[in-house]
C-alpha atoms as a PDB file:
ATOM      1  CA  MET A   1      -5.003  26.893   3.321  1.00  0.00           C
ATOM      2  CA  LEU A   2      -8.111  25.028   1.767  1.00  0.00           C
ATOM      3  CA  TYR A   3      -8.190  21.747   3.907  1.00  0.00           C
ATOM      4  CA  SER A   4      -9.742  18.218   2.936  1.00  0.00           C
ATOM      5  CA  CYS A   5     -10.094  16.514  -0.319  1.00  0.00           C
ATOM      6  CA  ALA A   6      -9.675  18.387  -3.630  1.00  0.00           C
ATOM      7  CA  TYR A   7     -11.843  17.152  -6.715  1.00  0.00           C
ATOM      8  CA  PHE A   8      -9.696  15.993  -9.821  1.00  0.00           C
ATOM      9  CA  ARG A   9     -11.988  16.138 -12.887  1.00  0.00           C
ATOM     10  CA  GLU A  10      -8.980  15.606 -14.977  1.00  0.00           C
ATOM     11  CA  PRO A  11      -5.631  13.687 -13.832  1.00  0.00           C
ATOM     12  CA  ASP A  12      -3.120  16.566 -14.705  1.00  0.00           C
ATOM     13  CA  GLU A  13      -5.308  19.393 -13.012  1.00  0.00           C
ATOM     14  CA  THR A  14      -3.291  21.428 -10.383  1.00  0.00           C
ATOM     15  CA  LEU A  15      -4.177  21.166  -6.436  1.00  0.00           C
ATOM     16  CA  GLU A  16      -5.778  24.844  -7.019  1.00  0.00           C
ATOM     17  CA  GLN A  17      -7.794  23.859  -9.686  1.00  0.00           C
ATOM     18  CA  ALA A  18      -9.011  20.692  -7.937  1.00  0.00           C
ATOM     19  CA  GLN A  19      -9.869  22.575  -4.772  1.00  0.00           C
ATOM     20  CA  ARG A  20     -11.720  25.168  -6.950  1.00  0.00           C
ATOM     21  CA  ASN A  21     -13.645  21.843  -8.449  1.00  0.00           C
ATOM     22  CA  LYS A  22     -14.909  20.591  -4.856  1.00  0.00           C
ATOM     23  CA  LEU A  23     -16.219  24.437  -4.276  1.00  0.00           C
ATOM     24  CA  ARG A  24     -18.122  24.208  -7.662  1.00  0.00           C
ATOM     25  CA  LEU A  25     -19.312  20.553  -6.972  1.00  0.00           C
ATOM     26  CA  LEU A  26     -20.753  21.687  -3.619  1.00  0.00           C
ATOM     27  CA  ALA A  27     -22.262  24.572  -4.509  1.00  0.00           C
ATOM     28  CA  SER A  28     -24.053  22.762  -7.471  1.00  0.00           C
ATOM     29  CA  LYS A  29     -25.431  20.341  -4.995  1.00  0.00           C
ATOM     30  CA  LEU A  30     -26.797  22.959  -2.821  1.00  0.00           C
ATOM     31  CA  CYS A  31     -29.438  24.289  -5.513  1.00  0.00           C
ATOM     32  CA  LEU A  32     -28.600  27.887  -4.408  1.00  0.00           C
ATOM     33  CA  ARG A  33     -31.042  30.750  -5.666  1.00  0.00           C
ATOM     34  CA  PRO A  34     -30.722  34.420  -5.062  1.00  0.00           C
ATOM     35  CA  GLY A  35     -31.485  35.700  -1.708  1.00  0.00           C
ATOM     36  CA  MET A  36     -31.114  32.492   0.205  1.00  0.00           C
ATOM     37  CA  LYS A  37     -29.284  32.030   3.574  1.00  0.00           C
ATOM     38  CA  VAL A  38     -26.621  29.213   3.953  1.00  0.00           C
ATOM     39  CA  LEU A  39     -24.837  28.083   6.932  1.00  0.00           C
ATOM     40  CA  ASP A  40     -21.205  26.947   6.576  1.00  0.00           C
ATOM     41  CA  ILE A  41     -20.625  24.391   9.543  1.00  0.00           C
ATOM     42  CA  GLY A  42     -16.963  24.237  10.198  1.00  0.00           C
ATOM     43  CA  CYS A  43     -16.244  27.164   7.702  1.00  0.00           C
ATOM     44  CA  GLY A  44     -12.209  26.946   8.174  1.00  0.00           C
ATOM     45  CA  TRP A  45     -10.266  29.799   6.569  1.00  0.00           C
ATOM     46  CA  GLY A  46     -13.819  30.761   4.724  1.00  0.00           C
ATOM     47  CA  ASP A  47     -12.955  29.743   1.141  1.00  0.00           C
ATOM     48  CA  LEU A  48     -16.317  28.263   0.675  1.00  0.00           C
ATOM     49  CA  ALA A  49     -18.316  30.494   2.096  1.00  0.00           C
ATOM     50  CA  LEU A  50     -16.747  33.291   0.040  1.00  0.00           C
ATOM     51  CA  TYR A  51     -16.829  31.320  -2.983  1.00  0.00           C
ATOM     52  CA  LEU A  52     -20.734  30.944  -2.514  1.00  0.00           C
ATOM     53  CA  ALA A  53     -21.359  34.469  -1.900  1.00  0.00           C
ATOM     54  CA  GLN A  54     -19.270  35.246  -5.119  1.00  0.00           C
ATOM     55  CA  LEU A  55     -21.138  32.716  -7.323  1.00  0.00           C
ATOM     56  CA  GLU A  56     -24.501  33.581  -6.281  1.00  0.00           C
ATOM     57  CA  ASP A  57     -26.441  36.314  -4.388  1.00  0.00           C
ATOM     58  CA  VAL A  58     -26.516  34.685  -0.936  1.00  0.00           C
ATOM     59  CA  GLU A  59     -25.883  35.211   2.416  1.00  0.00           C
ATOM     60  CA  VAL A  60     -23.458  32.896   4.116  1.00  0.00           C
ATOM     61  CA  LEU A  61     -22.962  32.664   7.972  1.00  0.00           C
ATOM     62  CA  GLY A  62     -19.846  30.589   8.746  1.00  0.00           C
ATOM     63  CA  VAL A  63     -19.169  29.127  12.271  1.00  0.00           C
ATOM     64  CA  THR A  64     -16.110  27.919  13.613  1.00  0.00           C
ATOM     65  CA  LEU A  65     -14.448  26.966  17.038  1.00  0.00           C
ATOM     66  CA  SER A  66     -10.854  28.473  15.862  1.00  0.00           C
ATOM     67  CA  LYS A  67     -10.096  32.019  16.949  1.00  0.00           C
ATOM     68  CA  GLU A  68      -7.564  31.952  14.005  1.00  0.00           C
ATOM     69  CA  GLN A  69      -9.923  30.886  11.432  1.00  0.00           C
ATOM     70  CA  GLN A  70     -12.622  33.379  12.428  1.00  0.00           C
ATOM     71  CA  ALA A  71     -10.042  36.307  12.238  1.00  0.00           C
ATOM     72  CA  LEU A  72      -8.548  35.571   9.126  1.00  0.00           C
ATOM     73  CA  ALA A  73     -11.974  34.450   7.525  1.00  0.00           C
ATOM     74  CA  THR A  74     -13.503  37.929   8.509  1.00  0.00           C
ATOM     75  CA  GLN A  75     -10.516  39.977   7.124  1.00  0.00           C
ATOM     76  CA  ARG A  76     -10.754  37.940   3.881  1.00  0.00           C
ATOM     77  CA  ALA A  77     -14.454  38.660   3.611  1.00  0.00           C
ATOM     78  CA  LYS A  78     -13.641  42.480   4.112  1.00  0.00           C
ATOM     79  CA  ASP A  79     -10.725  42.620   1.588  1.00  0.00           C
ATOM     80  CA  ALA A  80     -13.235  40.890  -1.076  1.00  0.00           C
ATOM     81  CA  GLY A  81     -16.025  43.520  -0.244  1.00  0.00           C
ATOM     82  CA  LEU A  82     -18.372  40.871   0.987  1.00  0.00           C
ATOM     83  CA  GLU A  83     -18.654  41.636   4.600  1.00  0.00           C
ATOM     84  CA  GLY A  84     -22.127  42.755   4.019  1.00  0.00           C
ATOM     85  CA  ARG A  85     -23.352  39.141   2.822  1.00  0.00           C
ATOM     86  CA  VAL A  86     -20.806  36.782   4.439  1.00  0.00           C
ATOM     87  CA  ARG A  87     -19.928  36.831   8.102  1.00  0.00           C
ATOM     88  CA  PHE A  88     -17.813  34.586  10.264  1.00  0.00           C
ATOM     89  CA  GLU A  89     -18.491  33.837  13.965  1.00  0.00           C
ATOM     90  CA  LEU A  90     -16.742  31.855  16.524  1.00  0.00           C
ATOM     91  CA  ARG A  91     -19.991  29.627  17.830  1.00  0.00           C
ATOM     92  CA  ASP A  92     -20.473  26.113  17.973  1.00  0.00           C
ATOM     93  CA  TYR A  93     -22.926  24.911  15.515  1.00  0.00           C
ATOM     94  CA  ARG A  94     -25.071  23.679  18.451  1.00  0.00           C
ATOM     95  CA  GLU A  95     -25.652  27.077  19.543  1.00  0.00           C
ATOM     96  CA  VAL A  96     -27.094  28.570  16.165  1.00  0.00           C
ATOM     97  CA  ASP A  97     -30.650  29.187  15.936  1.00  0.00           C
ATOM     98  CA  GLU A  98     -31.801  30.962  12.907  1.00  0.00           C
ATOM     99  CA  THR A  99     -33.144  29.024  10.152  1.00  0.00           C
ATOM    100  CA  PHE A 100     -31.123  28.585   6.885  1.00  0.00           C
ATOM    101  CA  ASP A 101     -32.108  27.691   3.343  1.00  0.00           C
ATOM    102  CA  ARG A 102     -28.950  25.578   2.610  1.00  0.00           C
ATOM    103  CA  ILE A 103     -26.669  24.108   5.135  1.00  0.00           C
ATOM    104  CA  VAL A 104     -22.957  22.742   4.171  1.00  0.00           C
ATOM    105  CA  SER A 105     -20.482  21.026   5.952  1.00  0.00           C
ATOM    106  CA  VAL A 106     -16.882  20.172   5.100  1.00  0.00           C
ATOM    107  CA  GLY A 107     -14.487  18.155   6.759  1.00  0.00           C
ATOM    108  CA  MET A 108     -16.169  18.525  10.159  1.00  0.00           C
ATOM    109  CA  PHE A 109     -18.275  15.565  10.519  1.00  0.00           C
ATOM    110  CA  GLU A 110     -15.202  13.231  11.554  1.00  0.00           C
ATOM    111  CA  HIS A 111     -14.862  15.403  14.715  1.00  0.00           C
ATOM    112  CA  VAL A 112     -18.434  15.216  16.062  1.00  0.00           C
ATOM    113  CA  GLY A 113     -18.127  11.854  17.494  1.00  0.00           C
ATOM    114  CA  VAL A 114     -20.520   8.995  16.885  1.00  0.00           C
ATOM    115  CA  SER A 115     -22.282   9.563  20.234  1.00  0.00           C
ATOM    116  CA  HIS A 116     -23.182  12.979  19.153  1.00  0.00           C
ATOM    117  CA  TYR A 117     -24.301  11.997  15.610  1.00  0.00           C
ATOM    118  CA  ASP A 118     -28.303  12.188  16.597  1.00  0.00           C
ATOM    119  CA  GLU A 119     -27.511  15.783  17.996  1.00  0.00           C
ATOM    120  CA  PHE A 120     -26.030  16.444  14.812  1.00  0.00           C
ATOM    121  CA  PHE A 121     -28.380  15.185  12.739  1.00  0.00           C
ATOM    122  CA  LYS A 122     -31.258  16.760  14.613  1.00  0.00           C
ATOM    123  CA  LYS A 123     -29.793  20.209  14.563  1.00  0.00           C
ATOM    124  CA  LEU A 124     -29.860  19.937  10.836  1.00  0.00           C
ATOM    125  CA  ASN A 125     -33.588  19.210  10.845  1.00  0.00           C
ATOM    126  CA  THR A 126     -34.278  21.967  13.053  1.00  0.00           C
ATOM    127  CA  LEU A 127     -32.140  24.400  11.067  1.00  0.00           C
ATOM    128  CA  MET A 128     -33.854  23.806   7.792  1.00  0.00           C
ATOM    129  CA  PRO A 129     -37.241  24.587   6.446  1.00  0.00           C
ATOM    130  CA  ASP A 130     -39.199  21.868   4.573  1.00  0.00           C
ATOM    131  CA  ASP A 131     -37.623  22.768   1.402  1.00  0.00           C
ATOM    132  CA  GLY A 132     -34.076  23.147   2.653  1.00  0.00           C
ATOM    133  CA  ILE A 133     -31.153  21.186   1.654  1.00  0.00           C
ATOM    134  CA  ALA A 134     -27.934  20.117   3.505  1.00  0.00           C
ATOM    135  CA  VAL A 135     -24.741  18.777   2.134  1.00  0.00           C
ATOM    136  CA  LEU A 136     -22.196  17.023   4.276  1.00  0.00           C
ATOM    137  CA  HIS A 137     -18.744  16.032   2.780  1.00  0.00           C
ATOM    138  CA  SER A 138     -16.918  13.952   5.128  1.00  0.00           C
ATOM    139  CA  ILE A 139     -14.386  11.091   5.378  1.00  0.00           C
ATOM    140  CA  GLY A 140     -15.791   7.575   5.971  1.00  0.00           C
ATOM    141  CA  HIS A 141     -15.146   3.940   4.851  1.00  0.00           C
ATOM    142  CA  MET A 142     -16.379   1.061   2.971  1.00  0.00           C
ATOM    143  CA  SER A 143     -15.883  -1.441   5.945  1.00  0.00           C
ATOM    144  CA  PRO A 144     -17.351  -2.035   8.900  1.00  0.00           C
ATOM    145  CA  PRO A 145     -17.245   0.280  11.922  1.00  0.00           C
ATOM    146  CA  GLY A 146     -13.584   0.548  13.298  1.00  0.00           C
ATOM    147  CA  MET A 147     -11.013   3.067  14.728  1.00  0.00           C
ATOM    148  CA  ALA A 148      -8.296   4.819  13.108  1.00  0.00           C
ATOM    149  CA  SER A 149      -4.700   3.651  14.542  1.00  0.00           C
ATOM    150  CA  ALA A 150      -3.602   4.563  17.866  1.00  0.00           C
ATOM    151  CA  TRP A 151      -0.826   6.494  16.291  1.00  0.00           C
ATOM    152  CA  LEU A 152      -2.947   8.863  14.216  1.00  0.00           C
ATOM    153  CA  ARG A 153      -5.345   9.020  16.779  1.00  0.00           C
ATOM    154  CA  LYS A 154      -2.702  10.402  19.347  1.00  0.00           C
ATOM    155  CA  TYR A 155      -0.643  12.386  17.032  1.00  0.00           C
ATOM    156  CA  ILE A 156      -2.450  13.872  14.101  1.00  0.00           C
ATOM    157  CA  PHE A 157      -6.447  13.669  14.794  1.00  0.00           C
ATOM    158  CA  PRO A 158      -6.959  13.408  18.738  1.00  0.00           C
ATOM    159  CA  GLY A 159     -10.467  12.233  18.971  1.00  0.00           C
ATOM    160  CA  ALA A 160     -11.244  12.197  14.985  1.00  0.00           C
ATOM    161  CA  TYR A 161     -13.136   9.297  13.925  1.00  0.00           C
ATOM    162  CA  SER A 162     -14.432   8.506  10.197  1.00  0.00           C
ATOM    163  CA  PRO A 163     -17.557   6.627  10.385  1.00  0.00           C
ATOM    164  CA  ALA A 164     -19.016   3.626   8.170  1.00  0.00           C
ATOM    165  CA  LEU A 165     -21.982   4.280   6.219  1.00  0.00           C
ATOM    166  CA  SER A 166     -23.914   1.897   8.029  1.00  0.00           C
ATOM    167  CA  GLU A 167     -23.435   4.294  11.105  1.00  0.00           C
ATOM    168  CA  VAL A 168     -24.466   7.521   9.609  1.00  0.00           C
ATOM    169  CA  PHE A 169     -27.621   6.228   7.770  1.00  0.00           C
ATOM    170  CA  GLU A 170     -28.835   4.608  10.993  1.00  0.00           C
ATOM    171  CA  VAL A 171     -28.934   8.275  12.684  1.00  0.00           C
ATOM    172  CA  VAL A 172     -30.375   9.877   9.579  1.00  0.00           C
ATOM    173  CA  GLU A 173     -33.232   7.519   9.357  1.00  0.00           C
ATOM    174  CA  ARG A 174     -33.896   8.243  13.483  1.00  0.00           C
ATOM    175  CA  ASN A 175     -34.107  11.921  12.442  1.00  0.00           C
ATOM    176  CA  SER A 176     -36.788  11.813   9.652  1.00  0.00           C
ATOM    177  CA  LEU A 177     -34.166  13.266   6.927  1.00  0.00           C
ATOM    178  CA  TRP A 178     -34.292  12.040   3.312  1.00  0.00           C
ATOM    179  CA  VAL A 179     -30.896  11.408   1.659  1.00  0.00           C
ATOM    180  CA  SER A 180     -31.586  12.912  -1.624  1.00  0.00           C
ATOM    181  CA  ASP A 181     -28.426  12.369  -3.216  1.00  0.00           C
ATOM    182  CA  LEU A 182     -25.041  10.232  -2.221  1.00  0.00           C
ATOM    183  CA  GLU A 183     -21.526  10.344  -4.056  1.00  0.00           C
ATOM    184  CA  PHE A 184     -18.421   8.729  -3.037  1.00  0.00           C
ATOM    185  CA  LEU A 185     -15.209  10.496  -3.881  1.00  0.00           C
ATOM    186  CA  ARG A 186     -13.044   7.425  -3.932  1.00  0.00           C
ATOM    187  CA  VAL A 187      -9.581   8.220  -5.058  1.00  0.00           C
ATOM    188  CA  HIS A 188      -9.556  12.102  -4.938  1.00  0.00           C
ATOM    189  CA  TYR A 189      -8.165  12.304  -1.647  1.00  0.00           C
ATOM    190  CA  ALA A 190      -5.408   9.977  -2.421  1.00  0.00           C
ATOM    191  CA  THR A 191      -4.430  12.716  -5.300  1.00  0.00           C
ATOM    192  CA  THR A 192      -5.080  15.451  -2.981  1.00  0.00           C
ATOM    193  CA  LEU A 193      -2.519  13.696  -0.330  1.00  0.00           C
ATOM    194  CA  LYS A 194       0.181  13.117  -2.937  1.00  0.00           C
ATOM    195  CA  HIS A 195      -0.184  17.046  -4.255  1.00  0.00           C
ATOM    196  CA  TRP A 196       0.742  17.544  -0.297  1.00  0.00           C
ATOM    197  CA  VAL A 197       3.462  14.770   0.063  1.00  0.00           C
ATOM    198  CA  GLU A 198       5.118  16.603  -2.976  1.00  0.00           C
ATOM    199  CA  ARG A 199       4.598  20.315  -1.568  1.00  0.00           C
ATOM    200  CA  PHE A 200       5.855  19.249   1.818  1.00  0.00           C
ATOM    201  CA  GLU A 201       8.992  17.904   0.353  1.00  0.00           C
ATOM    202  CA  LYS A 202       9.838  20.917  -1.333  1.00  0.00           C
ATOM    203  CA  ASN A 203       9.537  22.936   1.778  1.00  0.00           C
ATOM    204  CA  ARG A 204      10.629  20.469   4.299  1.00  0.00           C
ATOM    205  CA  ALA A 205      13.663  22.393   5.569  1.00  0.00           C
ATOM    206  CA  LYS A 206      11.588  25.223   6.251  1.00  0.00           C
ATOM    207  CA  VAL A 207       9.191  22.648   8.295  1.00  0.00           C
ATOM    208  CA  VAL A 208      12.542  21.450  10.118  1.00  0.00           C
ATOM    209  CA  GLU A 209      13.363  24.865  10.904  1.00  0.00           C
ATOM    210  CA  MET A 210       9.990  26.077  12.250  1.00  0.00           C
ATOM    211  CA  TYR A 211       9.781  22.921  14.384  1.00  0.00           C
ATOM    212  CA  ASP A 212      12.315  20.131  14.322  1.00  0.00           C
ATOM    213  CA  GLU A 213      13.280  16.839  12.684  1.00  0.00           C
ATOM    214  CA  PRO A 214      11.052  14.586  14.496  1.00  0.00           C
ATOM    215  CA  PHE A 215       8.100  16.658  13.392  1.00  0.00           C
ATOM    216  CA  ALA A 216       8.962  16.646   9.863  1.00  0.00           C
ATOM    217  CA  ARG A 217       9.444  12.658   9.708  1.00  0.00           C
ATOM    218  CA  MET A 218       5.960  12.649  11.799  1.00  0.00           C
ATOM    219  CA  TRP A 219       4.186  14.602   9.102  1.00  0.00           C
ATOM    220  CA  GLU A 220       5.960  12.746   6.128  1.00  0.00           C
ATOM    221  CA  PHE A 221       4.618   9.286   7.768  1.00  0.00           C
ATOM    222  CA  TYR A 222       1.291  10.749   8.166  1.00  0.00           C
ATOM    223  CA  LEU A 223       0.790  12.134   4.739  1.00  0.00           C
ATOM    224  CA  ILE A 224       2.241   9.232   2.985  1.00  0.00           C
ATOM    225  CA  SER A 225       0.346   6.666   5.166  1.00  0.00           C
ATOM    226  CA  CYS A 226      -3.035   8.595   4.595  1.00  0.00           C
ATOM    227  CA  GLU A 227      -2.340   8.547   0.900  1.00  0.00           C
ATOM    228  CA  MET A 228      -2.207   4.673   1.077  1.00  0.00           C
ATOM    229  CA  MET A 229      -5.168   4.193   2.943  1.00  0.00           C
ATOM    230  CA  PHE A 230      -7.100   6.346   0.202  1.00  0.00           C
ATOM    231  CA  ARG A 231      -5.530   4.249  -2.542  1.00  0.00           C
ATOM    232  CA  THR A 232      -5.360   0.919  -1.306  1.00  0.00           C
ATOM    233  CA  GLY A 233      -7.511   0.576   1.967  1.00  0.00           C
ATOM    234  CA  SER A 234     -11.072   1.273   3.061  1.00  0.00           C
ATOM    235  CA  GLN A 235     -10.919   5.185   3.320  1.00  0.00           C
ATOM    236  CA  LEU A 236     -13.257   7.425   1.013  1.00  0.00           C
ATOM    237  CA  VAL A 237     -14.831  10.584   1.141  1.00  0.00           C
ATOM    238  CA  PHE A 238     -18.624  10.844   0.756  1.00  0.00           C
ATOM    239  CA  HIS A 239     -21.060  13.885  -0.244  1.00  0.00           C
ATOM    240  CA  MET A 240     -24.726  13.283   1.787  1.00  0.00           C
ATOM    241  CA  GLN A 241     -27.495  15.469   0.656  1.00  0.00           C
ATOM    242  CA  LEU A 242     -30.188  15.524   2.906  1.00  0.00           C
ATOM    243  CA  SER A 243     -33.415  17.386   3.260  1.00  0.00           C
ATOM    244  CA  ARG A 244     -36.715  17.199   5.168  1.00  0.00           C
ATOM    245  CA  SER A 245     -38.800  16.494   1.975  1.00  0.00           C
ATOM    246  CA  ARG A 246     -38.277  13.990  -0.790  1.00  0.00           C
ATOM    247  CA  ASP A 247     -38.295  16.679  -3.672  1.00  0.00           C
ATOM    248  CA  ALA A 248     -36.457  19.833  -2.458  1.00  0.00           C
ATOM    249  CA  ALA A 249     -33.704  18.849  -4.873  1.00  0.00           C
ATOM    250  CA  PRO A 250     -34.754  18.062  -8.617  1.00  0.00           C
ATOM    251  CA  ILE A 251     -35.316  14.313  -9.055  1.00  0.00           C
ATOM    252  CA  VAL A 252     -32.925  13.666 -11.883  1.00  0.00           C
ATOM    253  CA  ARG A 253     -29.489  14.424 -10.922  1.00  0.00           C
ATOM    254  CA  ASP A 254     -28.436  15.797 -14.043  1.00  0.00           C
ATOM    255  CA  TYR A 255     -28.810  19.430 -12.772  1.00  0.00           C
ATOM    256  CA  ILE A 256     -25.454  18.729 -10.665  1.00  0.00           C
ATOM    257  CA  THR A 257     -23.579  18.210 -14.060  1.00  0.00           C
ATOM    258  CA  ASP A 258     -25.311  21.162 -15.715  1.00  0.00           C
ATOM    259  CA  ARG A 259     -24.730  23.707 -12.673  1.00  0.00           C
ATOM    260  CA  GLN A 260     -21.096  22.583 -12.753  1.00  0.00           C
ATOM    261  CA  LYS A 261     -20.700  23.678 -16.528  1.00  0.00           C
ATOM    262  CA  ALA A 262     -22.629  26.841 -15.922  1.00  0.00           C
ATOM    263  CA  TYR A 263     -20.853  27.944 -12.836  1.00  0.00           C
ATOM    264  CA  ILE A 264     -17.334  27.422 -14.777  1.00  0.00           C
ATOM    265  CA  VAL A 265     -18.501  30.070 -17.176  1.00  0.00           C
ATOM    266  CA  ARG A 266     -19.943  32.418 -14.340  1.00  0.00           C
ATOM    267  CA  GLU A 267     -16.483  31.938 -12.555  1.00  0.00           C
ATOM    268  CA  GLN A 268     -14.762  33.433 -15.777  1.00  0.00           C
ATOM    269  CA  THR A 269     -17.533  35.864 -16.157  1.00  0.00           C
ATOM    270  CA  LEU A 270     -17.193  37.187 -12.717  1.00  0.00           C
ATOM    271  CA  ASN A 271     -13.559  36.688 -12.570  1.00  0.00           C
ATOM    272  CA  ILE A 272     -13.590  34.706  -9.157  1.00  0.00           C
ATOM    273  CA  THR A 273     -10.167  34.559  -8.114  1.00  0.00           C
ATOM    274  CA  LEU A 274     -10.464  32.331  -4.767  1.00  0.00           C
END
């Protein structure tokens, strides 16, 4: 249920461990402090928002355009006893008008569209105070700008677009934001997709029963071809940390590793189970 690229600290980790690693890595880059307000743009099924609220004494608003995601995420917050600090709303991020100390977005930027990049980063700037921090997790590629295959656009991700970094930096510069950290997850998505392929194959008969054989073949082709794109092609995942000021985050990035280590201990102490 936790979509997008996982983060494999060790090659033999399970998919669940690697997805937890991703949440922890994002949390570390957000530089959270007690009492902060966090906005999760494109919150999915709520995993990241619930993890952050269990890890730190923060309030989190997750926004999504999916009624199903909003309903399930809200129920999960209630079940976890976090409804007082975590809420999920069916709302376009452009309609949000509060100010947040921290903003995070995972796997949503690919669906913004190049023509809306200015609008996206302008909104991030508007929603943060001067010492605010935003972390963007997105698919991109190391080659010049180009479109995904016609097959992928038609059957899997209509309207989706993974940018070249040159397209993103140009717009960030126009919107007066500092890129305070940039990290590339190069083969992590390939490994994630490999896990998805293996799990799909174990449940292939169920998928055929739910849908049909052509759907199963289409999904196999999607998963396997995307694994190869991330393993041998130009696709990658990037984490871009943004702020309105140059010193919102520590100026030496050792803190990211230090916080991850501290959060591992905290997860065990607090028995965080997401």
